Amino acid sequence: MSDLSTRKDEHIDLAKDAEALAQVPNSLDHVRLTHQALPECDADDIDTRTRFLGKPLAAPLMISGMTGGSARGDAINKLLAEIANTHKLAFGVGSQRASLSQNNSQSQLRALAQDIPLIGNLGAAQLIEEGGLTLALKAIDDLAPDALAIHLNPLQELVQPEGDRAWRGVMDMLAKLVKSTSTPIMIKEVGAGLSVKAVTRLRDIGIRYFDVAGLGGTNWARIENSRTDQRRQDIMAPFMDWGIPTCQALLDLRDAVNDIQLIGSGGVRHGLDVARCLWLGADIVAAAGVFIKALEAADGSLHPDQLSHVLDIWKDQIRVAMFLTGSSNIKALKEADGAIAPLS
């Protein structure tokens, strides 16, 4: 197994550990949707359907990318694609770099996810390396995704022993990528959130899809910090919970930036959190770590039925939240009454 594949498997193990979560209060708990004693809709008629990237979804939910580039990661991705397609939910793969570097095609995932939005994934740091644009176009050609997510992870890279320190030129390369393909480009963080300034600049070069991936869930700074040397740990200790909380990121972007699609993620724990993110301005909501834990047991065995059960529970929880706010559909939920406690 290559060093890169080994690292990808380490990431899976570490992401399943409770210590990988941000050690701060979950900002989504600040959102309180208002109970409606007169919902004026029937619980059995709640409509959670929506569209994303031109395709219908049974619920505004995405299984987000976290793994890939190893035999273990490929097996997980195969099942995630099948389950997402069965449940009619969006699916994002983990970084394609490792697979591409090993000439390991992931094209089979497109065949398994024919009916749903499939999102590819590549790191911004790889985009600015020599041949980065070619690599991105190769990722699109191989997977045939409905969008390619470029993940921004400067904090993770700074902590990571093998991390990329050079970030100058990312904007220019993103602009070139947008002009080089008809496939929509998505921007996603990995746990530190997206600011209004960053999203505005990226929207102005033609990018319309943004996964905020705010502080509150899987914390890649903590994951990488467990893999580095003591000196780097000492330097980065004050930055372990650096970032924009998910609630704040969605709220700021909803009010400040028009003509974009928002994916809410970062600390999404259940269907009520999905409803909270939608109310905050997200168009769909994504989670990764909780679904990986449901799929892969501690002994490494894979249990697709358990993940299907979790997804069914989440979809029912979304319906409960919608019914109790008097929201018969997603549009009504976005316009429902609610309040946000002060974010400290």
C-alpha atoms as a PDB file:
ATOM      1  CA  MET A   1       0.000   0.000   0.000  1.00  0.00           C
ATOM      2  CA  SER A   2       1.330   3.453  -0.895  1.00  0.00           C
ATOM      3  CA  ASP A   3       2.033   6.113   1.735  1.00  0.00           C
ATOM      4  CA  LEU A   4      -0.930   8.112   0.401  1.00  0.00           C
ATOM      5  CA  SER A   5      -3.277   5.108   0.636  1.00  0.00           C
ATOM      6  CA  THR A   6      -2.058   4.406   4.164  1.00  0.00           C
ATOM      7  CA  ARG A   7      -2.761   8.000   5.156  1.00  0.00           C
ATOM      8  CA  LYS A   8      -6.278   7.782   3.702  1.00  0.00           C
ATOM      9  CA  ASP A   9      -7.000   4.702   5.818  1.00  0.00           C
ATOM     10  CA  GLU A  10      -5.594   6.450   8.888  1.00  0.00           C
ATOM     11  CA  HIS A  11      -8.011   9.296   8.196  1.00  0.00           C
ATOM     12  CA  ILE A  12     -10.970   6.912   8.261  1.00  0.00           C
ATOM     13  CA  ASP A  13      -9.948   5.492  11.642  1.00  0.00           C
ATOM     14  CA  LEU A  14      -9.220   8.878  13.146  1.00  0.00           C
ATOM     15  CA  ALA A  15     -12.425  10.448  11.805  1.00  0.00           C
ATOM     16  CA  LYS A  16     -14.471   7.751  13.575  1.00  0.00           C
ATOM     17  CA  ASP A  17     -12.889   8.655  16.917  1.00  0.00           C
ATOM     18  CA  ALA A  18     -14.831  11.000  19.217  1.00  0.00           C
ATOM     19  CA  GLU A  19     -11.654  13.020  19.682  1.00  0.00           C
ATOM     20  CA  ALA A  20     -11.897  14.019  16.011  1.00  0.00           C
ATOM     21  CA  LEU A  21     -14.900  16.217  16.763  1.00  0.00           C
ATOM     22  CA  ALA A  22     -14.480  19.916  17.451  1.00  0.00           C
ATOM     23  CA  GLN A  23     -14.260  20.517  21.191  1.00  0.00           C
ATOM     24  CA  VAL A  24     -16.663  23.465  21.145  1.00  0.00           C
ATOM     25  CA  PRO A  25     -20.448  23.700  21.621  1.00  0.00           C
ATOM     26  CA  ASN A  26     -22.319  22.810  18.443  1.00  0.00           C
ATOM     27  CA  SER A  27     -23.567  26.096  16.995  1.00  0.00           C
ATOM     28  CA  LEU A  28     -26.674  24.454  15.535  1.00  0.00           C
ATOM     29  CA  ASP A  29     -28.013  24.132  19.082  1.00  0.00           C
ATOM     30  CA  HIS A  30     -28.417  27.917  19.009  1.00  0.00           C
ATOM     31  CA  VAL A  31     -31.224  27.534  16.467  1.00  0.00           C
ATOM     32  CA  ARG A  32     -34.716  27.034  17.886  1.00  0.00           C
ATOM     33  CA  LEU A  33     -37.451  26.476  15.338  1.00  0.00           C
ATOM     34  CA  THR A  34     -40.793  27.732  16.624  1.00  0.00           C
ATOM     35  CA  HIS A  35     -43.373  25.103  17.544  1.00  0.00           C
ATOM     36  CA  GLN A  36     -46.693  25.490  15.790  1.00  0.00           C
ATOM     37  CA  ALA A  37     -49.624  24.052  17.738  1.00  0.00           C
ATOM     38  CA  LEU A  38     -51.754  24.604  14.616  1.00  0.00           C
ATOM     39  CA  PRO A  39     -49.541  23.138  11.879  1.00  0.00           C
ATOM     40  CA  GLU A  40     -52.350  23.198   9.265  1.00  0.00           C
ATOM     41  CA  CYS A  41     -50.802  20.315   7.339  1.00  0.00           C
ATOM     42  CA  ASP A  42     -50.974  16.524   7.533  1.00  0.00           C
ATOM     43  CA  ALA A  43     -47.935  14.710   8.899  1.00  0.00           C
ATOM     44  CA  ASP A  44     -48.281  11.971   6.274  1.00  0.00           C
ATOM     45  CA  ASP A  45     -48.266  14.514   3.444  1.00  0.00           C
ATOM     46  CA  ILE A  46     -45.013  16.321   4.304  1.00  0.00           C
ATOM     47  CA  ASP A  47     -43.005  16.730   1.107  1.00  0.00           C
ATOM     48  CA  THR A  48     -39.219  16.626   1.583  1.00  0.00           C
ATOM     49  CA  ARG A  49     -38.425  16.462  -2.130  1.00  0.00           C
ATOM     50  CA  THR A  50     -36.094  18.987  -3.725  1.00  0.00           C
ATOM     51  CA  ARG A  51     -33.723  19.356  -6.691  1.00  0.00           C
ATOM     52  CA  PHE A  52     -29.974  19.806  -6.687  1.00  0.00           C
ATOM     53  CA  LEU A  53     -27.615  20.068  -9.653  1.00  0.00           C
ATOM     54  CA  GLY A  54     -30.621  19.491 -11.894  1.00  0.00           C
ATOM     55  CA  LYS A  55     -31.623  16.150 -10.360  1.00  0.00           C
ATOM     56  CA  PRO A  56     -34.486  15.252  -8.007  1.00  0.00           C
ATOM     57  CA  LEU A  57     -33.756  14.242  -4.428  1.00  0.00           C
ATOM     58  CA  ALA A  58     -36.095  12.462  -2.009  1.00  0.00           C
ATOM     59  CA  ALA A  59     -34.758  14.707   0.756  1.00  0.00           C
ATOM     60  CA  PRO A  60     -32.358  17.685   0.872  1.00  0.00           C
ATOM     61  CA  LEU A  61     -29.474  15.549   2.066  1.00  0.00           C
ATOM     62  CA  MET A  62     -26.002  14.604   0.830  1.00  0.00           C
ATOM     63  CA  ILE A  63     -23.604  11.907   1.964  1.00  0.00           C
ATOM     64  CA  SER A  64     -20.463  13.986   1.846  1.00  0.00           C
ATOM     65  CA  GLY A  65     -16.981  12.962   0.742  1.00  0.00           C
ATOM     66  CA  MET A  66     -14.505  11.767   3.355  1.00  0.00           C
ATOM     67  CA  THR A  67     -12.627   8.803   1.987  1.00  0.00           C
ATOM     68  CA  GLY A  68     -11.051   7.318  -1.126  1.00  0.00           C
ATOM     69  CA  GLY A  69      -7.747   6.272  -2.637  1.00  0.00           C
ATOM     70  CA  SER A  70      -7.322   2.906  -0.894  1.00  0.00           C
ATOM     71  CA  ALA A  71      -8.938  -0.514  -1.232  1.00  0.00           C
ATOM     72  CA  ARG A  72     -10.801   0.086   2.004  1.00  0.00           C
ATOM     73  CA  GLY A  73     -11.907   3.553   0.943  1.00  0.00           C
ATOM     74  CA  ASP A  74     -13.015   2.286  -2.457  1.00  0.00           C
ATOM     75  CA  ALA A  75     -15.162  -0.415  -0.847  1.00  0.00           C
ATOM     76  CA  ILE A  76     -16.783   2.196   1.403  1.00  0.00           C
ATOM     77  CA  ASN A  77     -17.389   4.559  -1.514  1.00  0.00           C
ATOM     78  CA  LYS A  78     -19.004   1.785  -3.566  1.00  0.00           C
ATOM     79  CA  LEU A  79     -21.538   1.083  -0.832  1.00  0.00           C
ATOM     80  CA  LEU A  80     -22.130   4.779  -0.158  1.00  0.00           C
ATOM     81  CA  ALA A  81     -22.893   5.342  -3.848  1.00  0.00           C
ATOM     82  CA  GLU A  82     -25.326   2.421  -3.946  1.00  0.00           C
ATOM     83  CA  ILE A  83     -27.095   3.470  -0.753  1.00  0.00           C
ATOM     84  CA  ALA A  84     -27.307   7.122  -1.769  1.00  0.00           C
ATOM     85  CA  ASN A  85     -28.813   6.113  -5.103  1.00  0.00           C
ATOM     86  CA  THR A  86     -31.357   3.853  -3.394  1.00  0.00           C
ATOM     87  CA  HIS A  87     -32.398   6.624  -1.004  1.00  0.00           C
ATOM     88  CA  LYS A  88     -32.299   9.280  -3.772  1.00  0.00           C
ATOM     89  CA  LEU A  89     -29.782  11.453  -1.916  1.00  0.00           C
ATOM     90  CA  ALA A  90     -26.757  13.312  -3.268  1.00  0.00           C
ATOM     91  CA  PHE A  91     -23.327  11.719  -2.867  1.00  0.00           C
ATOM     92  CA  GLY A  92     -19.854  13.257  -2.775  1.00  0.00           C
ATOM     93  CA  VAL A  93     -16.701  11.157  -3.033  1.00  0.00           C
ATOM     94  CA  GLY A  94     -13.554  11.800  -1.029  1.00  0.00           C
ATOM     95  CA  SER A  95     -10.465  13.294  -2.657  1.00  0.00           C
ATOM     96  CA  GLN A  96      -9.788  11.708  -6.047  1.00  0.00           C
ATOM     97  CA  ARG A  97      -6.077  12.531  -5.994  1.00  0.00           C
ATOM     98  CA  ALA A  98      -4.924   9.235  -4.496  1.00  0.00           C
ATOM     99  CA  SER A  99      -6.970   7.165  -6.931  1.00  0.00           C
ATOM    100  CA  LEU A 100      -5.820   9.191  -9.926  1.00  0.00           C
ATOM    101  CA  SER A 101      -2.173   8.995  -8.871  1.00  0.00           C
ATOM    102  CA  GLN A 102      -2.473   5.187  -8.802  1.00  0.00           C
ATOM    103  CA  ASN A 103      -4.393   5.057 -12.116  1.00  0.00           C
ATOM    104  CA  ASN A 104      -7.293   3.600 -10.169  1.00  0.00           C
ATOM    105  CA  SER A 105     -10.474   4.656 -11.940  1.00  0.00           C
ATOM    106  CA  GLN A 106     -13.575   5.498  -9.912  1.00  0.00           C
ATOM    107  CA  SER A 107     -15.813   5.484 -12.963  1.00  0.00           C
ATOM    108  CA  GLN A 108     -17.819   2.581 -11.527  1.00  0.00           C
ATOM    109  CA  LEU A 109     -19.298   5.005  -8.978  1.00  0.00           C
ATOM    110  CA  ARG A 110     -21.103   6.857 -11.755  1.00  0.00           C
ATOM    111  CA  ALA A 111     -22.767   3.584 -12.804  1.00  0.00           C
ATOM    112  CA  LEU A 112     -23.839   3.001  -9.203  1.00  0.00           C
ATOM    113  CA  ALA A 113     -25.166   6.547  -8.788  1.00  0.00           C
ATOM    114  CA  GLN A 114     -26.948   7.097 -12.072  1.00  0.00           C
ATOM    115  CA  ASP A 115     -30.040   8.787 -10.650  1.00  0.00           C
ATOM    116  CA  ILE A 116     -28.516  11.230  -8.163  1.00  0.00           C
ATOM    117  CA  PRO A 117     -26.093  14.162  -8.071  1.00  0.00           C
ATOM    118  CA  LEU A 118     -22.554  12.772  -7.860  1.00  0.00           C
ATOM    119  CA  ILE A 119     -19.842  15.207  -6.756  1.00  0.00           C
ATOM    120  CA  GLY A 120     -16.137  14.693  -7.385  1.00  0.00           C
ATOM    121  CA  ASN A 121     -13.434  16.049  -5.092  1.00  0.00           C
ATOM    122  CA  LEU A 122      -9.914  17.455  -5.392  1.00  0.00           C
ATOM    123  CA  GLY A 123      -7.802  19.645  -3.144  1.00  0.00           C
ATOM    124  CA  ALA A 124      -7.044  23.276  -3.957  1.00  0.00           C
ATOM    125  CA  ALA A 125      -3.409  22.684  -3.035  1.00  0.00           C
ATOM    126  CA  GLN A 126      -3.152  20.081  -5.805  1.00  0.00           C
ATOM    127  CA  LEU A 127      -4.777  22.466  -8.279  1.00  0.00           C
ATOM    128  CA  ILE A 128      -1.860  24.903  -8.097  1.00  0.00           C
ATOM    129  CA  GLU A 129       0.816  22.255  -8.482  1.00  0.00           C
ATOM    130  CA  GLU A 130       2.361  21.631 -11.890  1.00  0.00           C
ATOM    131  CA  GLY A 131      -0.247  19.837 -13.971  1.00  0.00           C
ATOM    132  CA  GLY A 132      -2.991  20.731 -11.496  1.00  0.00           C
ATOM    133  CA  LEU A 133      -5.489  21.883 -14.101  1.00  0.00           C
ATOM    134  CA  THR A 134      -4.909  18.703 -16.094  1.00  0.00           C
ATOM    135  CA  LEU A 135      -5.436  16.667 -12.919  1.00  0.00           C
ATOM    136  CA  ALA A 136      -8.763  18.408 -12.250  1.00  0.00           C
ATOM    137  CA  LEU A 137      -9.971  17.777 -15.790  1.00  0.00           C
ATOM    138  CA  LYS A 138      -8.861  14.154 -15.482  1.00  0.00           C
ATOM    139  CA  ALA A 139     -10.905  13.863 -12.267  1.00  0.00           C
ATOM    140  CA  ILE A 140     -13.942  15.088 -14.182  1.00  0.00           C
ATOM    141  CA  ASP A 141     -13.319  12.773 -17.134  1.00  0.00           C
ATOM    142  CA  ASP A 142     -12.863   9.744 -14.899  1.00  0.00           C
ATOM    143  CA  LEU A 143     -15.893  10.165 -12.622  1.00  0.00           C
ATOM    144  CA  ALA A 144     -18.275  12.092 -14.915  1.00  0.00           C
ATOM    145  CA  PRO A 145     -19.620  13.960 -11.872  1.00  0.00           C
ATOM    146  CA  ASP A 146     -22.465  16.451 -11.784  1.00  0.00           C
ATOM    147  CA  ALA A 147     -20.023  18.840 -10.072  1.00  0.00           C
ATOM    148  CA  LEU A 148     -16.390  18.833  -8.991  1.00  0.00           C
ATOM    149  CA  ALA A 149     -15.774  20.007  -5.445  1.00  0.00           C
ATOM    150  CA  ILE A 150     -12.474  21.755  -4.812  1.00  0.00           C
ATOM    151  CA  HIS A 151     -11.804  21.571  -1.103  1.00  0.00           C
ATOM    152  CA  LEU A 152     -10.137  24.448   0.708  1.00  0.00           C
ATOM    153  CA  ASN A 153      -8.290  23.171   3.761  1.00  0.00           C
ATOM    154  CA  PRO A 154      -5.425  25.514   4.667  1.00  0.00           C
ATOM    155  CA  LEU A 155      -5.674  24.747   8.386  1.00  0.00           C
ATOM    156  CA  GLN A 156      -5.566  20.997   7.815  1.00  0.00           C
ATOM    157  CA  GLU A 157      -2.629  21.317   5.449  1.00  0.00           C
ATOM    158  CA  LEU A 158      -0.722  23.483   7.928  1.00  0.00           C
ATOM    159  CA  VAL A 159      -1.082  20.870  10.678  1.00  0.00           C
ATOM    160  CA  GLN A 160      -0.543  17.822   8.459  1.00  0.00           C
ATOM    161  CA  PRO A 161       3.018  16.432   8.476  1.00  0.00           C
ATOM    162  CA  GLU A 162       2.904  16.090   4.675  1.00  0.00           C
ATOM    163  CA  GLY A 163       0.793  19.229   4.229  1.00  0.00           C
ATOM    164  CA  ASP A 164       1.023  21.790   1.447  1.00  0.00           C
ATOM    165  CA  ARG A 165       2.240  25.236   2.569  1.00  0.00           C
ATOM    166  CA  ALA A 166       2.018  26.978  -0.837  1.00  0.00           C
ATOM    167  CA  TRP A 167      -1.411  28.517  -1.444  1.00  0.00           C
ATOM    168  CA  ARG A 168      -0.661  31.509  -3.647  1.00  0.00           C
ATOM    169  CA  GLY A 169      -2.443  31.310  -6.990  1.00  0.00           C
ATOM    170  CA  VAL A 170      -5.485  29.249  -5.978  1.00  0.00           C
ATOM    171  CA  MET A 171      -7.920  31.926  -7.166  1.00  0.00           C
ATOM    172  CA  ASP A 172      -6.284  32.172 -10.582  1.00  0.00           C
ATOM    173  CA  MET A 173      -6.329  28.410 -11.060  1.00  0.00           C
ATOM    174  CA  LEU A 174      -9.963  28.188  -9.981  1.00  0.00           C
ATOM    175  CA  ALA A 175     -10.855  30.858 -12.548  1.00  0.00           C
ATOM    176  CA  LYS A 176      -9.017  28.855 -15.239  1.00  0.00           C
ATOM    177  CA  LEU A 177     -10.780  25.667 -14.177  1.00  0.00           C
ATOM    178  CA  VAL A 178     -14.205  27.297 -14.379  1.00  0.00           C
ATOM    179  CA  LYS A 179     -13.431  28.404 -17.938  1.00  0.00           C
ATOM    180  CA  SER A 180     -12.002  25.002 -18.904  1.00  0.00           C
ATOM    181  CA  THR A 181     -15.019  22.820 -18.171  1.00  0.00           C
ATOM    182  CA  SER A 182     -18.794  22.851 -18.433  1.00  0.00           C
ATOM    183  CA  THR A 183     -19.021  20.802 -15.234  1.00  0.00           C
ATOM    184  CA  PRO A 184     -20.044  23.033 -12.306  1.00  0.00           C
ATOM    185  CA  ILE A 185     -17.299  23.710  -9.775  1.00  0.00           C
ATOM    186  CA  MET A 186     -18.184  23.511  -6.103  1.00  0.00           C
ATOM    187  CA  ILE A 187     -16.143  24.904  -3.231  1.00  0.00           C
ATOM    188  CA  LYS A 188     -16.087  23.128   0.108  1.00  0.00           C
ATOM    189  CA  GLU A 189     -14.206  23.670   3.321  1.00  0.00           C
ATOM    190  CA  VAL A 190     -13.384  20.716   5.557  1.00  0.00           C
ATOM    191  CA  GLY A 191     -14.427  21.976   8.986  1.00  0.00           C
ATOM    192  CA  ALA A 192     -13.310  25.593   9.388  1.00  0.00           C
ATOM    193  CA  GLY A 193     -16.113  27.291   7.449  1.00  0.00           C
ATOM    194  CA  LEU A 194     -16.401  29.666   4.491  1.00  0.00           C
ATOM    195  CA  SER A 195     -16.452  33.438   4.994  1.00  0.00           C
ATOM    196  CA  VAL A 196     -18.533  35.988   3.108  1.00  0.00           C
ATOM    197  CA  LYS A 197     -15.339  37.485   1.680  1.00  0.00           C
ATOM    198  CA  ALA A 198     -14.138  34.163   0.275  1.00  0.00           C
ATOM    199  CA  VAL A 199     -17.525  33.174  -1.169  1.00  0.00           C
ATOM    200  CA  THR A 200     -18.071  36.598  -2.746  1.00  0.00           C
ATOM    201  CA  ARG A 201     -14.705  36.454  -4.507  1.00  0.00           C
ATOM    202  CA  LEU A 202     -15.377  32.941  -5.746  1.00  0.00           C
ATOM    203  CA  ARG A 203     -18.875  33.765  -6.926  1.00  0.00           C
ATOM    204  CA  ASP A 204     -17.416  36.616  -8.946  1.00  0.00           C
ATOM    205  CA  ILE A 205     -15.301  34.158 -10.984  1.00  0.00           C
ATOM    206  CA  GLY A 206     -18.356  32.049 -11.785  1.00  0.00           C
ATOM    207  CA  ILE A 207     -18.645  29.530  -8.944  1.00  0.00           C
ATOM    208  CA  ARG A 208     -22.193  29.021  -7.643  1.00  0.00           C
ATOM    209  CA  TYR A 209     -22.045  26.002  -5.294  1.00  0.00           C
ATOM    210  CA  PHE A 210     -20.581  26.262  -1.787  1.00  0.00           C
ATOM    211  CA  ASP A 211     -20.372  23.710   1.042  1.00  0.00           C
ATOM    212  CA  VAL A 212     -19.702  25.780   4.163  1.00  0.00           C
ATOM    213  CA  ALA A 213     -18.367  22.812   6.219  1.00  0.00           C
ATOM    214  CA  GLY A 214     -18.252  24.941   9.346  1.00  0.00           C
ATOM    215  CA  LEU A 215     -16.666  24.390  12.734  1.00  0.00           C
ATOM    216  CA  GLY A 216     -18.618  21.928  14.856  1.00  0.00           C
ATOM    217  CA  GLY A 217     -18.197  18.463  13.372  1.00  0.00           C
ATOM    218  CA  THR A 218     -15.256  16.365  12.218  1.00  0.00           C
ATOM    219  CA  ASN A 219     -12.179  18.434  12.967  1.00  0.00           C
ATOM    220  CA  TRP A 220      -9.375  17.736  10.532  1.00  0.00           C
ATOM    221  CA  ALA A 221      -6.963  19.926  12.473  1.00  0.00           C
ATOM    222  CA  ARG A 222      -7.351  17.583  15.445  1.00  0.00           C
ATOM    223  CA  ILE A 223      -7.083  14.525  13.218  1.00  0.00           C
ATOM    224  CA  GLU A 224      -3.848  15.714  11.626  1.00  0.00           C
ATOM    225  CA  ASN A 225      -2.487  16.983  14.944  1.00  0.00           C
ATOM    226  CA  SER A 226      -2.532  13.416  16.270  1.00  0.00           C
ATOM    227  CA  ARG A 227      -0.223  12.406  13.400  1.00  0.00           C
ATOM    228  CA  THR A 228       2.409  15.135  13.686  1.00  0.00           C
ATOM    229  CA  ASP A 229       5.469  15.762  15.841  1.00  0.00           C
ATOM    230  CA  GLN A 230       5.478  17.404  19.263  1.00  0.00           C
ATOM    231  CA  ARG A 231       6.841  20.736  18.044  1.00  0.00           C
ATOM    232  CA  ARG A 232       4.085  21.112  15.462  1.00  0.00           C
ATOM    233  CA  GLN A 233       1.513  20.115  18.091  1.00  0.00           C
ATOM    234  CA  ASP A 234       2.826  22.824  20.420  1.00  0.00           C
ATOM    235  CA  ILE A 235       2.627  25.455  17.666  1.00  0.00           C
ATOM    236  CA  MET A 236      -0.879  24.527  16.573  1.00  0.00           C
ATOM    237  CA  ALA A 237      -2.393  23.883  20.014  1.00  0.00           C
ATOM    238  CA  PRO A 238      -4.301  27.231  20.147  1.00  0.00           C
ATOM    239  CA  PHE A 239      -5.767  26.620  16.683  1.00  0.00           C
ATOM    240  CA  MET A 240      -7.419  23.253  17.214  1.00  0.00           C
ATOM    241  CA  ASP A 241     -10.905  24.773  17.220  1.00  0.00           C
ATOM    242  CA  TRP A 242     -10.201  27.619  14.799  1.00  0.00           C
ATOM    243  CA  GLY A 243     -12.921  28.432  12.310  1.00  0.00           C
ATOM    244  CA  ILE A 244     -16.382  29.803  11.592  1.00  0.00           C
ATOM    245  CA  PRO A 245     -19.203  27.869  13.294  1.00  0.00           C
ATOM    246  CA  THR A 246     -21.678  26.320  10.866  1.00  0.00           C
ATOM    247  CA  CYS A 247     -24.605  28.380  12.130  1.00  0.00           C
ATOM    248  CA  GLN A 248     -22.681  31.634  11.711  1.00  0.00           C
ATOM    249  CA  ALA A 249     -21.370  30.731   8.261  1.00  0.00           C
ATOM    250  CA  LEU A 250     -24.840  29.936   6.910  1.00  0.00           C
ATOM    251  CA  LEU A 251     -26.427  32.961   8.524  1.00  0.00           C
ATOM    252  CA  ASP A 252     -23.783  35.350   7.188  1.00  0.00           C
ATOM    253  CA  LEU A 253     -23.876  33.930   3.661  1.00  0.00           C
ATOM    254  CA  ARG A 254     -27.676  33.852   3.480  1.00  0.00           C
ATOM    255  CA  ASP A 255     -27.838  37.552   4.208  1.00  0.00           C
ATOM    256  CA  ALA A 256     -24.824  38.697   2.179  1.00  0.00           C
ATOM    257  CA  VAL A 257     -24.435  36.689  -1.030  1.00  0.00           C
ATOM    258  CA  ASN A 258     -27.052  36.152  -3.731  1.00  0.00           C
ATOM    259  CA  ASP A 259     -27.243  33.778  -6.699  1.00  0.00           C
ATOM    260  CA  ILE A 260     -25.494  30.815  -5.058  1.00  0.00           C
ATOM    261  CA  GLN A 261     -26.441  27.345  -3.801  1.00  0.00           C
ATOM    262  CA  LEU A 262     -25.439  26.576  -0.219  1.00  0.00           C
ATOM    263  CA  ILE A 263     -24.696  23.184   1.286  1.00  0.00           C
ATOM    264  CA  GLY A 264     -24.862  23.228   5.067  1.00  0.00           C
ATOM    265  CA  SER A 265     -22.416  20.927   6.837  1.00  0.00           C
ATOM    266  CA  GLY A 266     -20.218  20.790   9.901  1.00  0.00           C
ATOM    267  CA  GLY A 267     -21.633  19.155  13.021  1.00  0.00           C
ATOM    268  CA  VAL A 268     -24.882  17.895  11.494  1.00  0.00           C
ATOM    269  CA  ARG A 269     -25.949  15.117  13.875  1.00  0.00           C
ATOM    270  CA  HIS A 270     -29.554  14.243  12.958  1.00  0.00           C
ATOM    271  CA  GLY A 271     -32.582  15.291  10.953  1.00  0.00           C
ATOM    272  CA  LEU A 272     -33.402  18.202  13.229  1.00  0.00           C
ATOM    273  CA  ASP A 273     -29.975  19.681  12.443  1.00  0.00           C
ATOM    274  CA  VAL A 274     -30.794  19.231   8.755  1.00  0.00           C
ATOM    275  CA  ALA A 275     -33.982  21.256   9.244  1.00  0.00           C
ATOM    276  CA  ARG A 276     -32.045  23.898  11.179  1.00  0.00           C
ATOM    277  CA  CYS A 277     -29.499  24.269   8.359  1.00  0.00           C
ATOM    278  CA  LEU A 278     -32.258  24.585   5.768  1.00  0.00           C
ATOM    279  CA  TRP A 279     -33.915  27.289   7.863  1.00  0.00           C
ATOM    280  CA  LEU A 280     -30.549  29.067   8.140  1.00  0.00           C
ATOM    281  CA  GLY A 281     -30.313  29.242   4.357  1.00  0.00           C
ATOM    282  CA  ALA A 282     -28.874  25.951   3.111  1.00  0.00           C
ATOM    283  CA  ASP A 283     -30.343  24.433  -0.045  1.00  0.00           C
ATOM    284  CA  ILE A 284     -29.288  20.944   0.962  1.00  0.00           C
ATOM    285  CA  VAL A 285     -27.384  19.583   3.965  1.00  0.00           C
ATOM    286  CA  ALA A 286     -24.392  17.232   4.091  1.00  0.00           C
ATOM    287  CA  ALA A 287     -22.791  14.939   6.641  1.00  0.00           C
ATOM    288  CA  ALA A 288     -19.985  12.398   6.460  1.00  0.00           C
ATOM    289  CA  GLY A 289     -18.518  11.118   9.731  1.00  0.00           C
ATOM    290  CA  VAL A 290     -21.811   9.975  11.234  1.00  0.00           C
ATOM    291  CA  PHE A 291     -22.610   7.971   8.092  1.00  0.00           C
ATOM    292  CA  ILE A 292     -19.157   6.359   7.945  1.00  0.00           C
ATOM    293  CA  LYS A 293     -19.587   5.259  11.574  1.00  0.00           C
ATOM    294  CA  ALA A 294     -22.968   3.750  10.735  1.00  0.00           C
ATOM    295  CA  LEU A 295     -21.562   1.870   7.741  1.00  0.00           C
ATOM    296  CA  GLU A 296     -18.263   0.579   9.116  1.00  0.00           C
ATOM    297  CA  ALA A 297     -18.152  -1.237  12.453  1.00  0.00           C
ATOM    298  CA  ALA A 298     -15.200  -1.123  14.843  1.00  0.00           C
ATOM    299  CA  ASP A 299     -13.899  -4.410  13.433  1.00  0.00           C
ATOM    300  CA  GLY A 300     -13.894  -3.003   9.890  1.00  0.00           C
ATOM    301  CA  SER A 301     -16.925  -4.944   8.689  1.00  0.00           C
ATOM    302  CA  LEU A 302     -19.384  -3.026   6.506  1.00  0.00           C
ATOM    303  CA  HIS A 303     -23.099  -2.866   7.317  1.00  0.00           C
ATOM    304  CA  PRO A 304     -25.117  -1.146   4.570  1.00  0.00           C
ATOM    305  CA  ASP A 305     -28.401  -2.051   6.290  1.00  0.00           C
ATOM    306  CA  GLN A 306     -27.332  -0.056   9.351  1.00  0.00           C
ATOM    307  CA  LEU A 307     -26.565   3.010   7.254  1.00  0.00           C
ATOM    308  CA  SER A 308     -29.902   2.659   5.454  1.00  0.00           C
ATOM    309  CA  HIS A 309     -31.599   2.541   8.836  1.00  0.00           C
ATOM    310  CA  VAL A 310     -29.830   5.728   9.947  1.00  0.00           C
ATOM    311  CA  LEU A 311     -30.809   7.517   6.728  1.00  0.00           C
ATOM    312  CA  ASP A 312     -34.443   6.477   7.163  1.00  0.00           C
ATOM    313  CA  ILE A 313     -34.387   7.849  10.708  1.00  0.00           C
ATOM    314  CA  TRP A 314     -32.906  11.146   9.509  1.00  0.00           C
ATOM    315  CA  LYS A 315     -35.531  11.519   6.784  1.00  0.00           C
ATOM    316  CA  ASP A 316     -38.297  10.882   9.322  1.00  0.00           C
ATOM    317  CA  GLN A 317     -36.733  13.425  11.696  1.00  0.00           C
ATOM    318  CA  ILE A 318     -36.747  16.034   8.924  1.00  0.00           C
ATOM    319  CA  ARG A 319     -40.476  15.343   8.399  1.00  0.00           C
ATOM    320  CA  VAL A 320     -41.156  15.688  12.136  1.00  0.00           C
ATOM    321  CA  ALA A 321     -39.365  19.059  12.256  1.00  0.00           C
ATOM    322  CA  MET A 322     -41.305  20.244   9.214  1.00  0.00           C
ATOM    323  CA  PHE A 323     -44.663  19.117  10.623  1.00  0.00           C
ATOM    324  CA  LEU A 324     -44.038  20.746  14.002  1.00  0.00           C
ATOM    325  CA  THR A 325     -43.198  24.053  12.299  1.00  0.00           C
ATOM    326  CA  GLY A 326     -46.266  23.861  10.055  1.00  0.00           C
ATOM    327  CA  SER A 327     -44.085  23.373   6.950  1.00  0.00           C
ATOM    328  CA  SER A 328     -45.609  21.144   4.285  1.00  0.00           C
ATOM    329  CA  ASN A 329     -42.568  21.494   1.988  1.00  0.00           C
ATOM    330  CA  ILE A 330     -38.974  22.734   2.011  1.00  0.00           C
ATOM    331  CA  LYS A 331     -39.902  26.227   0.850  1.00  0.00           C
ATOM    332  CA  ALA A 332     -42.308  26.575   3.776  1.00  0.00           C
ATOM    333  CA  LEU A 333     -39.626  25.377   6.212  1.00  0.00           C
ATOM    334  CA  LYS A 334     -37.254  28.079   5.018  1.00  0.00           C
ATOM    335  CA  GLU A 335     -39.960  30.655   5.783  1.00  0.00           C
ATOM    336  CA  ALA A 336     -40.994  29.158   9.148  1.00  0.00           C
ATOM    337  CA  ASP A 337     -40.728  31.024  12.437  1.00  0.00           C
ATOM    338  CA  GLY A 338     -37.605  30.537  14.511  1.00  0.00           C
ATOM    339  CA  ALA A 339     -34.929  32.224  16.551  1.00  0.00           C
ATOM    340  CA  ILE A 340     -31.171  32.128  17.028  1.00  0.00           C
ATOM    341  CA  ALA A 341     -29.612  32.465  20.446  1.00  0.00           C
ATOM    342  CA  PRO A 342     -26.553  34.749  20.560  1.00  0.00           C
ATOM    343  CA  LEU A 343     -23.407  33.048  19.257  1.00  0.00           C
ATOM    344  CA  SER A 344     -20.540  33.620  21.675  1.00  0.00           C
END
